[in-house]
Every structure is written in C-alpha cells, then in structure tokens.
C-alpha cells in the first residue's frame, strides 16, 4: 500500500490527487507520484489534463473551480 504523501505546497483535488507548481511547471500527483507535468503556460496540455481528471471522475469541476484551477467566464 502506498500512502498519499504530497509536498507541502500541494493543492489537494481529492484524497488521492493533488496539484502544485514548481519552476514554471505544473505537476499533477496521484498518491504523491507525478502523473502529468506541463509548462505553466501550456494551455492545451492544461485543458487535456483537467478534462481527463473530470472525465475519469478523479475530481469534480466544482473542486477545480474552488481551487482556482478553472477560471469561470460569465
């Protein structure tokens, strides 16, 4: 069994998923292990990763919006 150990500055998306930024890269972690990494300004990869998390029910759009990972446009 792997315990979910995350860096201190990680924003938790769920009990298993987290995201943090370091050196202009965004890291998406599952149980503390990096799964997706992209440049902070890479919008296409950001959209892909966010959509994948939502479609696979790893987290909800509500949680992502609350953590300001999804910007709402009204």
C-alpha atoms as a PDB file:
ATOM      1  CA  UNK A   1       0.000   0.000   0.000  1.00  0.00           C
ATOM      2  CA  UNK A   2       1.261   3.437  -0.908  1.00  0.00           C
ATOM      3  CA  UNK A   3       0.429   6.275   1.429  1.00  0.00           C
ATOM      4  CA  UNK A   4      -0.515   9.543  -0.251  1.00  0.00           C
ATOM      5  CA  UNK A   5       2.418  11.820   0.626  1.00  0.00           C
ATOM      6  CA  UNK A   6       2.279  15.239  -1.024  1.00  0.00           C
ATOM      7  CA  UNK A   7       4.679  18.229  -0.967  1.00  0.00           C
ATOM      8  CA  UNK A   8       3.704  20.992   1.466  1.00  0.00           C
ATOM      9  CA  UNK A   9       2.504  23.445  -1.213  1.00  0.00           C
ATOM     10  CA  UNK A  10       0.175  20.940  -2.914  1.00  0.00           C
ATOM     11  CA  UNK A  11      -3.468  21.850  -3.516  1.00  0.00           C
ATOM     12  CA  UNK A  12      -5.492  18.688  -2.936  1.00  0.00           C
ATOM     13  CA  UNK A  13      -8.109  17.834  -5.545  1.00  0.00           C
ATOM     14  CA  UNK A  14      -9.228  14.741  -3.638  1.00  0.00           C
ATOM     15  CA  UNK A  15      -7.729  12.371  -1.098  1.00  0.00           C
ATOM     16  CA  UNK A  16      -5.636  10.801  -3.902  1.00  0.00           C
ATOM     17  CA  UNK A  17      -4.992  13.684  -6.314  1.00  0.00           C
ATOM     18  CA  UNK A  18      -3.050  16.916  -5.881  1.00  0.00           C
ATOM     19  CA  UNK A  19      -1.501  19.678  -7.978  1.00  0.00           C
ATOM     20  CA  UNK A  20       1.408  22.021  -7.336  1.00  0.00           C
ATOM     21  CA  UNK A  21       3.665  24.416  -9.231  1.00  0.00           C
ATOM     22  CA  UNK A  22       7.456  24.438  -9.176  1.00  0.00           C
ATOM     23  CA  UNK A  23       9.962  26.142 -11.502  1.00  0.00           C
ATOM     24  CA  UNK A  24       7.247  27.197 -14.010  1.00  0.00           C
ATOM     25  CA  UNK A  25       5.962  23.625 -14.297  1.00  0.00           C
ATOM     26  CA  UNK A  26       2.632  22.301 -13.031  1.00  0.00           C
ATOM     27  CA  UNK A  27       2.674  18.811 -11.506  1.00  0.00           C
ATOM     28  CA  UNK A  28      -0.422  16.650 -11.095  1.00  0.00           C
ATOM     29  CA  UNK A  29       0.146  13.982  -8.447  1.00  0.00           C
ATOM     30  CA  UNK A  30      -1.650  10.740  -7.730  1.00  0.00           C
ATOM     31  CA  UNK A  31      -0.793   9.444  -4.251  1.00  0.00           C
ATOM     32  CA  UNK A  32       2.245  11.724  -4.308  1.00  0.00           C
ATOM     33  CA  UNK A  33       3.660  10.438  -7.610  1.00  0.00           C
ATOM     34  CA  UNK A  34       3.696  12.730 -10.663  1.00  0.00           C
ATOM     35  CA  UNK A  35       1.289  11.624 -13.399  1.00  0.00           C
ATOM     36  CA  UNK A  36       1.102  14.731 -15.594  1.00  0.00           C
ATOM     37  CA  UNK A  37       3.597  17.574 -15.899  1.00  0.00           C
ATOM     38  CA  UNK A  38       3.353  20.601 -18.168  1.00  0.00           C
ATOM     39  CA  UNK A  39       4.757  24.079 -18.591  1.00  0.00           C
ATOM     40  CA  UNK A  40       2.789  26.706 -16.691  1.00  0.00           C
ATOM     41  CA  UNK A  41       1.872  28.478 -19.964  1.00  0.00           C
ATOM     42  CA  UNK A  42       0.915  25.362 -21.964  1.00  0.00           C
ATOM     43  CA  UNK A  43      -2.834  25.887 -22.257  1.00  0.00           C
ATOM     44  CA  UNK A  44      -3.563  22.856 -24.454  1.00  0.00           C
ATOM     45  CA  UNK A  45      -1.960  20.364 -22.071  1.00  0.00           C
ATOM     46  CA  UNK A  46      -3.661  22.086 -19.127  1.00  0.00           C
ATOM     47  CA  UNK A  47      -7.039  21.619 -20.806  1.00  0.00           C
ATOM     48  CA  UNK A  48      -6.252  17.982 -21.605  1.00  0.00           C
ATOM     49  CA  UNK A  49      -5.233  17.148 -18.031  1.00  0.00           C
ATOM     50  CA  UNK A  50      -8.204  18.952 -16.447  1.00  0.00           C
ATOM     51  CA  UNK A  51     -10.644  17.264 -18.840  1.00  0.00           C
ATOM     52  CA  UNK A  52      -9.059  13.866 -18.151  1.00  0.00           C
ATOM     53  CA  UNK A  53      -9.409  14.327 -14.384  1.00  0.00           C
ATOM     54  CA  UNK A  54     -13.088  15.249 -14.731  1.00  0.00           C
ATOM     55  CA  UNK A  55     -13.987  12.525 -17.272  1.00  0.00           C
ATOM     56  CA  UNK A  56     -12.297   9.829 -15.177  1.00  0.00           C
ATOM     57  CA  UNK A  57     -14.128  11.061 -12.037  1.00  0.00           C
ATOM     58  CA  UNK A  58     -10.831  11.776 -10.284  1.00  0.00           C
ATOM     59  CA  UNK A  59     -12.212  15.146  -9.175  1.00  0.00           C
ATOM     60  CA  UNK A  60     -15.106  17.429  -9.972  1.00  0.00           C
ATOM     61  CA  UNK A  61     -15.258  20.730 -11.826  1.00  0.00           C
ATOM     62  CA  UNK A  62     -16.563  22.258  -8.583  1.00  0.00           C
ATOM     63  CA  UNK A  63     -13.360  21.369  -6.722  1.00  0.00           C
ATOM     64  CA  UNK A  64     -11.201  22.648  -9.590  1.00  0.00           C
ATOM     65  CA  UNK A  65     -13.118  25.934  -9.659  1.00  0.00           C
ATOM     66  CA  UNK A  66     -12.835  26.333  -5.885  1.00  0.00           C
ATOM     67  CA  UNK A  67      -9.057  25.870  -6.116  1.00  0.00           C
ATOM     68  CA  UNK A  68      -8.971  28.404  -8.979  1.00  0.00           C
ATOM     69  CA  UNK A  69      -7.646  25.835 -11.432  1.00  0.00           C
ATOM     70  CA  UNK A  70     -10.613  26.519 -13.706  1.00  0.00           C
ATOM     71  CA  UNK A  71     -11.485  30.124 -14.408  1.00  0.00           C
ATOM     72  CA  UNK A  72     -15.162  30.815 -14.913  1.00  0.00           C
ATOM     73  CA  UNK A  73     -16.190  33.298 -17.550  1.00  0.00           C
ATOM     74  CA  UNK A  74     -19.577  34.961 -17.161  1.00  0.00           C
END
